[in-house]
N, C-alpha and C. Protein backbone atom coordinates (compact mmCIF):
# COMPACT_ATOMS: atom_id res chain seq x y z
N MET A 1 -29.54 7.17 -27.98
CA MET A 1 -29.34 7.83 -26.71
C MET A 1 -28.45 9.05 -26.95
N SER A 2 -28.83 10.13 -26.37
CA SER A 2 -28.06 11.36 -26.58
C SER A 2 -26.77 11.33 -25.77
N GLU A 3 -25.82 12.13 -26.20
CA GLU A 3 -24.54 12.23 -25.51
C GLU A 3 -24.74 12.72 -24.08
N GLU A 4 -25.70 13.60 -23.89
CA GLU A 4 -25.95 14.15 -22.57
C GLU A 4 -26.38 13.07 -21.58
N LEU A 5 -27.11 12.06 -22.02
CA LEU A 5 -27.55 10.98 -21.15
C LEU A 5 -26.41 10.03 -20.80
N ASP A 6 -25.34 10.00 -21.61
CA ASP A 6 -24.21 9.12 -21.37
C ASP A 6 -23.20 9.70 -20.38
N ARG A 7 -23.39 10.92 -19.99
CA ARG A 7 -22.44 11.56 -19.07
C ARG A 7 -22.52 10.92 -17.69
N HIS A 8 -21.37 10.92 -17.04
CA HIS A 8 -21.33 10.50 -15.65
C HIS A 8 -20.17 11.19 -14.96
N SER A 9 -20.28 11.33 -13.67
CA SER A 9 -19.22 11.97 -12.89
C SER A 9 -18.26 10.92 -12.40
N LYS A 10 -17.01 11.30 -12.33
CA LYS A 10 -15.99 10.42 -11.78
C LYS A 10 -15.04 11.29 -10.99
N ALA A 11 -15.00 11.06 -9.68
CA ALA A 11 -14.12 11.86 -8.83
C ALA A 11 -12.68 11.44 -9.09
N LEU A 12 -11.85 12.39 -9.38
CA LEU A 12 -10.44 12.14 -9.60
C LEU A 12 -9.64 12.82 -8.50
N GLU A 13 -8.52 12.23 -8.17
CA GLU A 13 -7.65 12.81 -7.18
C GLU A 13 -6.96 14.03 -7.77
N ALA A 14 -6.92 15.09 -7.00
CA ALA A 14 -6.23 16.30 -7.45
C ALA A 14 -4.74 16.01 -7.55
N GLU A 15 -4.15 16.45 -8.65
CA GLU A 15 -2.72 16.26 -8.85
C GLU A 15 -1.97 17.25 -7.97
N LEU A 16 -1.13 16.75 -7.07
CA LEU A 16 -0.41 17.61 -6.15
C LEU A 16 0.85 18.20 -6.79
N ILE A 17 1.46 17.42 -7.68
CA ILE A 17 2.66 17.88 -8.40
C ILE A 17 2.44 17.61 -9.87
N SER A 18 2.46 18.65 -10.68
CA SER A 18 2.23 18.45 -12.11
C SER A 18 3.53 18.33 -12.92
N ASP A 19 4.62 18.87 -12.41
CA ASP A 19 5.89 18.80 -13.12
C ASP A 19 6.49 17.40 -12.98
N PRO A 20 6.70 16.68 -14.10
CA PRO A 20 7.19 15.30 -14.03
C PRO A 20 8.56 15.16 -13.35
N GLU A 21 9.44 16.13 -13.56
CA GLU A 21 10.76 16.05 -12.93
C GLU A 21 10.67 16.24 -11.42
N GLU A 22 9.85 17.18 -10.99
CA GLU A 22 9.66 17.40 -9.55
C GLU A 22 8.99 16.18 -8.92
N LYS A 23 8.02 15.61 -9.61
CA LYS A 23 7.35 14.42 -9.11
C LYS A 23 8.35 13.28 -8.95
N ALA A 24 9.23 13.10 -9.91
CA ALA A 24 10.25 12.05 -9.83
C ALA A 24 11.19 12.29 -8.65
N ARG A 25 11.56 13.55 -8.42
CA ARG A 25 12.43 13.87 -7.28
C ARG A 25 11.75 13.53 -5.95
N VAL A 26 10.47 13.89 -5.83
CA VAL A 26 9.74 13.61 -4.59
C VAL A 26 9.58 12.10 -4.41
N GLU A 27 9.26 11.39 -5.49
CA GLU A 27 9.13 9.93 -5.41
C GLU A 27 10.44 9.29 -4.95
N ALA A 28 11.56 9.75 -5.50
CA ALA A 28 12.87 9.20 -5.11
C ALA A 28 13.18 9.52 -3.65
N ARG A 29 12.96 10.75 -3.24
CA ARG A 29 13.20 11.16 -1.85
C ARG A 29 12.32 10.35 -0.90
N ASN A 30 11.05 10.20 -1.25
CA ASN A 30 10.13 9.42 -0.42
C ASN A 30 10.55 7.96 -0.36
N GLY A 31 11.05 7.44 -1.48
CA GLY A 31 11.51 6.05 -1.50
C GLY A 31 12.65 5.82 -0.52
N LEU A 32 13.57 6.77 -0.46
CA LEU A 32 14.67 6.66 0.50
C LEU A 32 14.17 6.77 1.94
N LYS A 33 13.21 7.66 2.16
CA LYS A 33 12.65 7.80 3.51
C LYS A 33 11.88 6.54 3.91
N GLN A 34 11.18 5.94 2.94
CA GLN A 34 10.45 4.71 3.23
C GLN A 34 11.43 3.59 3.57
N ALA A 35 12.54 3.50 2.82
CA ALA A 35 13.56 2.49 3.11
C ALA A 35 14.14 2.69 4.51
N ASP A 36 14.37 3.94 4.89
CA ASP A 36 14.86 4.24 6.24
C ASP A 36 13.85 3.77 7.29
N ALA A 37 12.57 3.98 7.03
CA ALA A 37 11.53 3.55 7.97
C ALA A 37 11.50 2.03 8.11
N VAL A 38 11.74 1.32 7.01
CA VAL A 38 11.79 -0.15 7.06
C VAL A 38 12.97 -0.58 7.93
N VAL A 39 14.13 0.03 7.71
CA VAL A 39 15.31 -0.30 8.51
C VAL A 39 15.05 -0.02 9.99
N GLU A 40 14.43 1.11 10.30
CA GLU A 40 14.10 1.43 11.69
C GLU A 40 13.19 0.36 12.31
N SER A 41 12.21 -0.10 11.55
CA SER A 41 11.31 -1.15 12.05
C SER A 41 12.08 -2.45 12.30
N ILE A 42 12.94 -2.81 11.37
CA ILE A 42 13.74 -4.03 11.53
C ILE A 42 14.62 -3.92 12.77
N GLU A 43 15.27 -2.77 12.94
CA GLU A 43 16.12 -2.58 14.11
C GLU A 43 15.30 -2.64 15.41
N TYR A 44 14.14 -2.02 15.40
CA TYR A 44 13.29 -2.03 16.59
C TYR A 44 12.91 -3.45 16.98
N PHE A 45 12.47 -4.24 16.00
CA PHE A 45 12.00 -5.60 16.29
C PHE A 45 13.13 -6.62 16.37
N SER A 46 14.37 -6.17 16.19
CA SER A 46 15.51 -7.07 16.33
C SER A 46 15.82 -7.39 17.79
N HIS A 47 15.30 -6.61 18.70
CA HIS A 47 15.52 -6.86 20.13
C HIS A 47 14.65 -8.05 20.55
N PRO A 48 15.25 -9.02 21.25
CA PRO A 48 14.52 -10.25 21.61
C PRO A 48 13.23 -10.03 22.40
N GLU A 49 13.17 -8.95 23.17
CA GLU A 49 11.96 -8.72 23.98
C GLU A 49 10.81 -8.13 23.18
N ARG A 50 11.05 -7.78 21.92
CA ARG A 50 10.00 -7.20 21.08
C ARG A 50 9.62 -8.18 19.97
N LYS A 51 8.49 -8.81 20.11
CA LYS A 51 8.02 -9.75 19.09
C LYS A 51 7.35 -8.97 17.96
N PHE A 52 7.76 -9.26 16.73
CA PHE A 52 7.19 -8.57 15.57
C PHE A 52 5.73 -8.95 15.39
N LYS A 53 4.91 -7.97 15.10
CA LYS A 53 3.52 -8.16 14.70
C LYS A 53 3.28 -7.23 13.52
N LEU A 54 2.83 -7.79 12.42
CA LEU A 54 2.47 -6.96 11.28
C LEU A 54 1.14 -6.29 11.60
N ARG A 55 1.14 -4.98 11.56
CA ARG A 55 -0.04 -4.21 11.92
C ARG A 55 -0.47 -3.33 10.75
N VAL A 56 -1.77 -3.09 10.67
CA VAL A 56 -2.32 -2.18 9.67
C VAL A 56 -1.65 -0.81 9.80
N SER A 57 -1.40 -0.39 11.02
CA SER A 57 -0.78 0.92 11.24
C SER A 57 0.60 1.01 10.60
N LEU A 58 1.36 -0.07 10.59
CA LEU A 58 2.68 -0.05 9.93
C LEU A 58 2.52 0.10 8.42
N LEU A 59 1.57 -0.62 7.85
CA LEU A 59 1.32 -0.50 6.41
C LEU A 59 0.94 0.94 6.05
N LEU A 60 0.04 1.52 6.81
CA LEU A 60 -0.40 2.90 6.53
C LEU A 60 0.74 3.89 6.73
N HIS A 61 1.58 3.65 7.72
CA HIS A 61 2.74 4.50 7.96
C HIS A 61 3.70 4.46 6.77
N LEU A 62 4.02 3.26 6.30
CA LEU A 62 4.94 3.13 5.16
C LEU A 62 4.34 3.74 3.89
N HIS A 63 3.04 3.59 3.72
CA HIS A 63 2.38 4.18 2.56
C HIS A 63 2.41 5.70 2.65
N ARG A 64 2.15 6.24 3.83
CA ARG A 64 2.16 7.69 4.03
C ARG A 64 3.52 8.27 3.66
N ILE A 65 4.58 7.60 4.05
CA ILE A 65 5.93 8.08 3.73
C ILE A 65 6.15 8.05 2.21
N ALA A 66 5.74 6.97 1.57
CA ALA A 66 5.97 6.82 0.12
C ALA A 66 5.20 7.85 -0.71
N LEU A 67 4.02 8.26 -0.24
CA LEU A 67 3.16 9.13 -1.04
C LEU A 67 3.05 10.56 -0.53
N LYS A 68 3.84 10.89 0.50
CA LYS A 68 3.78 12.23 1.08
C LYS A 68 4.08 13.28 0.00
N GLY A 69 3.19 14.24 -0.13
CA GLY A 69 3.37 15.30 -1.12
C GLY A 69 2.99 14.90 -2.53
N LEU A 70 2.63 13.63 -2.73
CA LEU A 70 2.27 13.13 -4.06
C LEU A 70 0.78 12.81 -4.18
N SER A 71 0.17 12.45 -3.07
CA SER A 71 -1.22 12.02 -3.10
C SER A 71 -1.96 12.54 -1.88
N SER A 72 -3.16 13.01 -2.10
CA SER A 72 -3.98 13.44 -0.97
C SER A 72 -4.49 12.25 -0.16
N PHE A 73 -4.29 11.04 -0.68
CA PHE A 73 -4.69 9.82 0.02
C PHE A 73 -3.51 9.13 0.70
N ALA A 74 -2.37 9.80 0.84
CA ALA A 74 -1.19 9.20 1.46
C ALA A 74 -1.54 8.72 2.87
N GLY A 75 -1.27 7.44 3.11
CA GLY A 75 -1.53 6.87 4.43
C GLY A 75 -2.95 6.48 4.68
N ASN A 76 -3.76 6.44 3.62
CA ASN A 76 -5.18 6.07 3.74
C ASN A 76 -5.54 5.03 2.69
N PHE A 77 -6.47 4.16 3.05
CA PHE A 77 -6.97 3.21 2.07
C PHE A 77 -7.77 3.94 1.00
N ARG A 78 -7.84 3.33 -0.16
CA ARG A 78 -8.59 3.94 -1.27
C ARG A 78 -10.06 4.08 -0.90
N PRO A 79 -10.68 5.18 -1.30
CA PRO A 79 -12.07 5.42 -0.93
C PRO A 79 -13.09 4.83 -1.91
N ALA A 80 -12.62 4.27 -3.01
CA ALA A 80 -13.55 3.80 -4.04
C ALA A 80 -12.96 2.59 -4.75
N GLU A 81 -13.73 2.08 -5.69
CA GLU A 81 -13.27 0.94 -6.50
C GLU A 81 -12.05 1.36 -7.31
N ILE A 82 -11.31 0.37 -7.79
CA ILE A 82 -10.10 0.65 -8.56
C ILE A 82 -9.93 -0.41 -9.63
N GLU A 83 -9.35 -0.02 -10.72
CA GLU A 83 -9.00 -0.96 -11.78
C GLU A 83 -7.49 -0.94 -11.95
N ILE A 84 -6.93 -2.09 -12.27
CA ILE A 84 -5.50 -2.19 -12.54
C ILE A 84 -5.34 -2.30 -14.04
N GLY A 85 -4.72 -1.30 -14.65
CA GLY A 85 -4.54 -1.28 -16.10
C GLY A 85 -3.77 -2.49 -16.59
N GLY A 86 -4.28 -3.12 -17.64
CA GLY A 86 -3.62 -4.26 -18.25
C GLY A 86 -3.78 -5.56 -17.48
N SER A 87 -4.68 -5.59 -16.50
CA SER A 87 -4.88 -6.79 -15.69
C SER A 87 -6.35 -7.19 -15.70
N LYS A 88 -6.59 -8.49 -15.65
CA LYS A 88 -7.95 -8.99 -15.54
C LYS A 88 -8.41 -9.05 -14.08
N HIS A 89 -7.47 -8.89 -13.16
CA HIS A 89 -7.79 -8.96 -11.73
C HIS A 89 -8.65 -7.77 -11.32
N LYS A 90 -9.71 -8.06 -10.59
CA LYS A 90 -10.56 -7.02 -10.03
C LYS A 90 -10.37 -7.05 -8.51
N PRO A 91 -9.66 -6.06 -7.97
CA PRO A 91 -9.44 -6.04 -6.52
C PRO A 91 -10.76 -5.97 -5.75
N PRO A 92 -10.74 -6.39 -4.50
CA PRO A 92 -11.96 -6.31 -3.68
C PRO A 92 -12.47 -4.88 -3.58
N GLY A 93 -13.75 -4.75 -3.34
CA GLY A 93 -14.36 -3.43 -3.20
C GLY A 93 -13.71 -2.64 -2.07
N ALA A 94 -13.78 -1.34 -2.17
CA ALA A 94 -13.17 -0.46 -1.17
C ALA A 94 -13.70 -0.77 0.24
N HIS A 95 -14.95 -1.15 0.34
CA HIS A 95 -15.53 -1.45 1.66
C HIS A 95 -14.92 -2.70 2.30
N MET A 96 -14.27 -3.54 1.48
CA MET A 96 -13.66 -4.77 1.98
C MET A 96 -12.17 -4.62 2.30
N VAL A 97 -11.57 -3.52 1.89
CA VAL A 97 -10.12 -3.35 2.03
C VAL A 97 -9.64 -3.49 3.48
N PRO A 98 -10.21 -2.76 4.45
CA PRO A 98 -9.69 -2.90 5.82
C PRO A 98 -9.71 -4.34 6.33
N GLU A 99 -10.80 -5.05 6.08
CA GLU A 99 -10.89 -6.44 6.55
C GLU A 99 -9.88 -7.33 5.84
N GLU A 100 -9.71 -7.15 4.54
CA GLU A 100 -8.74 -7.96 3.79
C GLU A 100 -7.32 -7.70 4.28
N VAL A 101 -7.00 -6.45 4.57
CA VAL A 101 -5.66 -6.13 5.07
C VAL A 101 -5.47 -6.74 6.47
N GLU A 102 -6.47 -6.68 7.30
CA GLU A 102 -6.38 -7.31 8.62
C GLU A 102 -6.16 -8.81 8.49
N ARG A 103 -6.86 -9.46 7.57
CA ARG A 103 -6.67 -10.90 7.35
C ARG A 103 -5.24 -11.21 6.92
N MET A 104 -4.69 -10.36 6.04
CA MET A 104 -3.31 -10.55 5.60
C MET A 104 -2.37 -10.45 6.81
N CYS A 105 -2.56 -9.44 7.63
CA CYS A 105 -1.73 -9.26 8.82
C CYS A 105 -1.88 -10.46 9.76
N ASP A 106 -3.10 -10.92 9.96
CA ASP A 106 -3.35 -12.09 10.82
C ASP A 106 -2.60 -13.31 10.29
N TYR A 107 -2.64 -13.52 8.98
CA TYR A 107 -1.96 -14.67 8.40
C TYR A 107 -0.46 -14.61 8.68
N VAL A 108 0.14 -13.45 8.44
CA VAL A 108 1.58 -13.30 8.69
C VAL A 108 1.88 -13.53 10.17
N ASN A 109 1.11 -12.92 11.05
CA ASN A 109 1.36 -13.05 12.48
C ASN A 109 1.13 -14.47 12.98
N ASP A 110 0.07 -15.13 12.49
CA ASP A 110 -0.23 -16.50 12.92
C ASP A 110 0.81 -17.49 12.44
N ASN A 111 1.49 -17.17 11.34
CA ASN A 111 2.47 -18.10 10.76
C ASN A 111 3.92 -17.65 10.97
N TRP A 112 4.11 -16.63 11.78
CA TRP A 112 5.44 -16.04 11.98
C TRP A 112 6.46 -17.07 12.48
N ASP A 113 6.06 -17.92 13.40
CA ASP A 113 7.01 -18.86 14.01
C ASP A 113 7.16 -20.17 13.25
N ASN A 114 6.24 -20.48 12.33
CA ASN A 114 6.32 -21.78 11.67
C ASN A 114 6.43 -21.70 10.15
N SER A 115 6.65 -20.52 9.60
CA SER A 115 6.83 -20.37 8.15
C SER A 115 8.17 -19.71 7.88
N SER A 116 8.68 -19.93 6.69
CA SER A 116 9.96 -19.32 6.35
C SER A 116 9.78 -17.83 6.06
N PRO A 117 10.82 -17.04 6.29
CA PRO A 117 10.76 -15.62 5.94
C PRO A 117 10.46 -15.40 4.46
N VAL A 118 10.98 -16.27 3.61
CA VAL A 118 10.72 -16.13 2.17
C VAL A 118 9.24 -16.33 1.87
N HIS A 119 8.63 -17.34 2.50
CA HIS A 119 7.20 -17.58 2.30
C HIS A 119 6.37 -16.38 2.74
N LEU A 120 6.65 -15.85 3.93
CA LEU A 120 5.86 -14.73 4.45
C LEU A 120 6.10 -13.46 3.65
N ALA A 121 7.32 -13.25 3.20
CA ALA A 121 7.61 -12.08 2.36
C ALA A 121 6.88 -12.18 1.02
N ALA A 122 6.93 -13.37 0.41
CA ALA A 122 6.24 -13.56 -0.87
C ALA A 122 4.74 -13.42 -0.71
N TYR A 123 4.20 -14.00 0.36
CA TYR A 123 2.77 -13.90 0.62
C TYR A 123 2.34 -12.45 0.78
N SER A 124 3.05 -11.70 1.62
CA SER A 124 2.65 -10.32 1.87
C SER A 124 2.80 -9.47 0.60
N LEU A 125 3.83 -9.72 -0.19
CA LEU A 125 4.01 -9.01 -1.45
C LEU A 125 2.84 -9.28 -2.39
N TRP A 126 2.49 -10.56 -2.54
CA TRP A 126 1.37 -10.93 -3.42
C TRP A 126 0.04 -10.41 -2.87
N LYS A 127 -0.23 -10.67 -1.59
CA LYS A 127 -1.54 -10.37 -1.03
C LYS A 127 -1.83 -8.87 -1.02
N LEU A 128 -0.85 -8.06 -0.66
CA LEU A 128 -1.10 -6.63 -0.63
C LEU A 128 -1.38 -6.09 -2.03
N ASN A 129 -0.64 -6.61 -3.03
CA ASN A 129 -0.92 -6.18 -4.40
C ASN A 129 -2.26 -6.73 -4.89
N TRP A 130 -2.66 -7.91 -4.43
CA TRP A 130 -3.95 -8.49 -4.80
C TRP A 130 -5.08 -7.64 -4.22
N ILE A 131 -4.94 -7.23 -2.96
CA ILE A 131 -5.96 -6.38 -2.33
C ILE A 131 -5.97 -5.01 -3.00
N HIS A 132 -4.81 -4.50 -3.33
CA HIS A 132 -4.65 -3.17 -3.95
C HIS A 132 -5.38 -2.11 -3.12
N PRO A 133 -4.94 -1.95 -1.86
CA PRO A 133 -5.71 -1.11 -0.94
C PRO A 133 -5.56 0.39 -1.13
N PHE A 134 -4.62 0.82 -1.96
CA PHE A 134 -4.35 2.25 -2.11
C PHE A 134 -4.63 2.73 -3.52
N THR A 135 -4.85 4.02 -3.67
CA THR A 135 -5.05 4.58 -5.01
C THR A 135 -3.75 4.58 -5.80
N ASP A 136 -2.63 4.67 -5.10
CA ASP A 136 -1.31 4.66 -5.73
C ASP A 136 -0.33 4.18 -4.67
N GLY A 137 0.80 3.66 -5.09
CA GLY A 137 1.83 3.24 -4.15
C GLY A 137 1.67 1.84 -3.60
N ASN A 138 0.81 1.02 -4.22
CA ASN A 138 0.61 -0.34 -3.75
C ASN A 138 1.89 -1.17 -3.86
N GLY A 139 2.56 -1.10 -5.00
CA GLY A 139 3.78 -1.87 -5.20
C GLY A 139 4.89 -1.43 -4.26
N ARG A 140 5.06 -0.13 -4.12
CA ARG A 140 6.10 0.38 -3.21
C ARG A 140 5.88 -0.07 -1.79
N THR A 141 4.63 -0.01 -1.35
CA THR A 141 4.33 -0.39 0.03
C THR A 141 4.42 -1.90 0.19
N ALA A 142 3.99 -2.67 -0.80
CA ALA A 142 4.09 -4.12 -0.73
C ALA A 142 5.55 -4.57 -0.67
N ARG A 143 6.41 -3.94 -1.47
CA ARG A 143 7.82 -4.30 -1.43
C ARG A 143 8.44 -3.93 -0.10
N ALA A 144 8.05 -2.80 0.45
CA ALA A 144 8.59 -2.36 1.73
C ALA A 144 8.18 -3.32 2.85
N ILE A 145 6.95 -3.74 2.86
CA ILE A 145 6.47 -4.59 3.93
C ILE A 145 6.99 -6.02 3.79
N SER A 146 7.20 -6.44 2.57
CA SER A 146 7.70 -7.82 2.42
C SER A 146 9.16 -7.90 2.82
């Protein structure tokens, strides 16, 4: 088979910041902003009249903050399949991501009153990383939400 027949296209995300030091600065700044957003959410839901509900919109909001200026997909689910380097785990297809994230939110919300905070935090940390719904920032967003 010729080399020409082996070619294939692969859409790659455009690099928004190429300088590693600038990228690190933006990641650190975004991390602090994401932490502030988590604190704001905790304070908001600390009022007795506001019952916490884990929503897809909160996940996307936290992801958008973490990846702002770093990824053109900030605040959006991944548009295609993904592989996790060094892992045998194959995350669900991109077409399944919204439904899997909704199921995760439903589980947390359905078990909010009868499960321990540690259980729900561990579950959401594991499940979001298992789904791997984003092209980048999965761990940051999973830690923030847990």
